[in-house]
Amino acid sequence: MIIGNIHSLQSWLPEELRLAIEHVKQHVTPETPLGKHDIDGNNLFMLVAEDSTQPIEERPAEFHLRYLDIQILMSGQEGMTFSCLPAGTPETDWLAEKDIAFLPAGEQEKTIIMNEGDFVVFYPGEVHKPLCAVGNPALVRKVVVKMLMV
């Protein structure tokens, strides 16, 4: 897992992550349509979404096996949990079809609060729980860049 802000990219950030974030900075505006946007076919694409956060206990944890996630908050505030421990047995396993599996929660979850411009990178296998409310549920706009790692 890596965290940072798109307006202050660190020099140690791997180049492929930096390039993907720069692509978002250059091409995503408040007017960018929601949905999937191709960058490099199935190797690299982004999902632009507007969603409402929910109480943390209502949100499922998730993980992926083939794709890395770069989750970038464009507006609003979002809680994001993560676990440093391996994923347990998923309740819902769509890894073969959609590269996603859901769990009720990660083991020993930790929570960060993301504000506009913040990003977090989750590598395949890293359990995370997005869209957690910080206070009352609220609308957020975010971009999730999916980078094929296999």
Protein backbone atom coordinates (compact mmCIF):
# COMPACT_ATOMS: atom_id res chain seq x y z
CA MET A 1 0.00 0.00 0.00
CA ILE A 2 1.15 3.51 -0.82
CA ILE A 3 -0.60 6.75 0.13
CA GLY A 4 0.00 10.28 -1.10
CA ASN A 5 -1.53 13.31 -2.76
CA ILE A 6 -1.70 13.89 -6.51
CA HIS A 7 -0.54 17.49 -6.05
CA SER A 8 2.66 16.43 -4.28
CA LEU A 9 3.99 13.26 -5.90
CA GLN A 10 7.11 11.93 -4.20
CA SER A 11 10.25 11.15 -6.21
CA TRP A 12 10.34 7.55 -4.92
CA LEU A 13 6.91 6.74 -6.40
CA PRO A 14 7.33 4.03 -9.07
CA GLU A 15 7.26 5.53 -12.56
CA GLU A 16 4.27 3.50 -13.80
CA LEU A 17 2.19 4.76 -10.85
CA ARG A 18 3.36 8.33 -11.39
CA LEU A 19 2.42 8.18 -15.09
CA ALA A 20 -1.04 6.79 -14.30
CA ILE A 21 -1.69 9.52 -11.72
CA GLU A 22 -0.43 12.21 -14.12
CA HIS A 23 -2.86 10.85 -16.73
CA VAL A 24 -5.74 11.33 -14.29
CA LYS A 25 -4.56 14.85 -13.44
CA GLN A 26 -4.42 15.80 -17.13
CA HIS A 27 -7.62 14.10 -18.34
CA VAL A 28 -10.16 14.00 -15.51
CA THR A 29 -12.23 17.10 -14.83
CA PRO A 30 -15.53 17.62 -12.97
CA GLU A 31 -17.21 17.20 -16.37
CA THR A 32 -15.59 13.83 -17.17
CA PRO A 33 -18.40 11.31 -17.66
CA LEU A 34 -18.84 8.56 -15.12
CA GLY A 35 -17.83 5.06 -16.12
CA LYS A 36 -14.87 3.23 -17.60
CA HIS A 37 -12.23 5.14 -19.57
CA ASP A 38 -9.56 3.32 -21.56
CA ILE A 39 -5.90 4.27 -21.14
CA ASP A 40 -4.18 1.12 -22.47
CA GLY A 41 -6.90 -1.46 -23.05
CA ASN A 42 -7.23 -4.08 -20.31
CA ASN A 43 -3.68 -3.29 -19.13
CA LEU A 44 -4.59 0.14 -17.74
CA PHE A 45 -7.96 1.84 -17.45
CA MET A 46 -9.80 4.11 -15.05
CA LEU A 47 -13.25 4.09 -13.52
CA VAL A 48 -14.77 7.49 -12.75
CA ALA A 49 -17.51 7.23 -10.12
CA GLU A 50 -19.74 9.23 -7.83
CA ASP A 51 -20.89 7.24 -4.82
CA SER A 52 -22.23 7.81 -1.36
CA THR A 53 -20.12 6.75 1.58
CA GLN A 54 -21.70 4.41 4.13
CA PRO A 55 -21.11 3.59 7.79
CA ILE A 56 -17.98 1.47 8.07
CA GLU A 57 -19.86 -1.53 9.46
CA GLU A 58 -22.07 -1.60 6.32
CA ARG A 59 -19.17 -1.63 3.86
CA PRO A 60 -17.62 -4.92 2.69
CA ALA A 61 -13.88 -5.36 2.42
CA GLU A 62 -12.46 -6.38 -0.95
CA PHE A 63 -9.32 -7.54 -2.68
CA HIS A 64 -8.12 -8.26 -6.19
CA LEU A 65 -5.59 -10.74 -7.58
CA ARG A 66 -4.74 -9.41 -11.05
CA TYR A 67 -5.15 -5.64 -10.85
CA LEU A 68 -3.54 -2.98 -8.71
CA ASP A 69 -5.90 -0.17 -7.61
CA ILE A 70 -4.95 3.48 -7.50
CA GLN A 71 -7.91 5.08 -5.72
CA ILE A 72 -7.93 8.87 -6.12
CA LEU A 73 -10.43 11.07 -4.31
CA MET A 74 -11.45 13.96 -6.57
CA SER A 75 -14.00 15.56 -4.20
CA GLY A 76 -15.50 14.89 -0.80
CA GLN A 77 -14.06 12.96 2.11
CA GLU A 78 -13.78 9.19 2.38
CA GLY A 79 -12.67 6.74 5.02
CA MET A 80 -10.65 3.81 3.68
CA THR A 81 -9.71 0.79 5.73
CA PHE A 82 -6.89 -1.59 4.94
CA SER A 83 -5.36 -4.70 6.40
CA CYS A 84 -1.70 -5.67 6.44
CA LEU A 85 -2.66 -9.33 6.91
CA PRO A 86 -3.59 -11.83 4.19
CA ALA A 87 -7.18 -12.06 3.05
CA GLY A 88 -9.34 -14.73 4.61
CA THR A 89 -11.90 -16.82 2.76
CA PRO A 90 -14.15 -14.51 0.72
CA GLU A 91 -17.93 -14.49 1.16
CA THR A 92 -18.30 -13.55 -2.50
CA ASP A 93 -15.62 -14.71 -4.92
CA TRP A 94 -15.72 -13.11 -8.37
CA LEU A 95 -11.95 -13.24 -8.84
CA ALA A 96 -12.08 -15.32 -12.03
CA GLU A 97 -14.78 -13.20 -13.70
CA LYS A 98 -14.31 -9.67 -12.33
CA ASP A 99 -11.07 -9.78 -10.29
CA ILE A 100 -12.84 -8.93 -7.05
CA ALA A 101 -13.70 -10.83 -3.89
CA PHE A 102 -15.62 -9.53 -0.88
CA LEU A 103 -15.16 -10.18 2.84
CA PRO A 104 -17.10 -8.77 5.80
CA ALA A 105 -13.88 -7.08 7.01
CA GLY A 106 -10.12 -7.33 6.87
CA GLU A 107 -8.12 -8.65 9.81
CA GLN A 108 -6.96 -5.91 12.18
CA GLU A 109 -8.29 -3.14 9.94
CA LYS A 110 -6.72 0.29 10.07
CA THR A 111 -8.48 3.39 8.74
CA ILE A 112 -7.23 6.46 6.90
CA ILE A 113 -9.23 9.55 6.00
CA MET A 114 -8.87 10.69 2.42
CA ASN A 115 -9.51 14.27 1.30
CA GLU A 116 -9.59 15.84 -2.16
CA GLY A 117 -6.46 14.91 -4.12
CA ASP A 118 -5.41 12.07 -1.84
CA PHE A 119 -4.65 8.69 -3.35
CA VAL A 120 -4.00 5.21 -2.09
CA VAL A 121 -2.46 2.30 -4.01
CA PHE A 122 -3.49 -1.26 -3.20
CA TYR A 123 -1.47 -4.08 -4.71
CA PRO A 124 -3.11 -7.40 -5.60
CA GLY A 125 -4.05 -9.31 -2.46
CA GLU A 126 -4.19 -6.23 -0.21
CA VAL A 127 -7.54 -6.08 1.58
CA HIS A 128 -9.27 -2.68 1.60
CA LYS A 129 -12.70 -1.24 2.35
CA PRO A 130 -13.52 1.89 0.32
CA LEU A 131 -16.38 4.36 0.67
CA CYS A 132 -16.52 4.45 4.46
CA ALA A 133 -18.33 7.48 5.85
CA VAL A 134 -16.42 10.06 7.85
CA GLY A 135 -19.23 11.29 10.07
CA ASN A 136 -22.47 11.28 8.08
CA PRO A 137 -22.69 9.52 4.71
CA ALA A 138 -21.80 11.90 1.88
CA LEU A 139 -21.30 11.97 -1.87
CA VAL A 140 -17.76 11.55 -3.18
CA ARG A 141 -16.31 11.67 -6.67
CA LYS A 142 -13.35 9.40 -7.27
CA VAL A 143 -11.24 7.74 -9.89
CA VAL A 144 -9.99 4.18 -9.56
CA VAL A 145 -7.15 3.36 -11.93
CA LYS A 146 -6.83 -0.38 -12.58
CA MET A 147 -3.33 -1.58 -13.60
CA LEU A 148 -2.83 -5.19 -14.69
CA MET A 149 -0.03 -6.77 -12.65
CA VAL A 150 -0.10 -10.41 -13.83
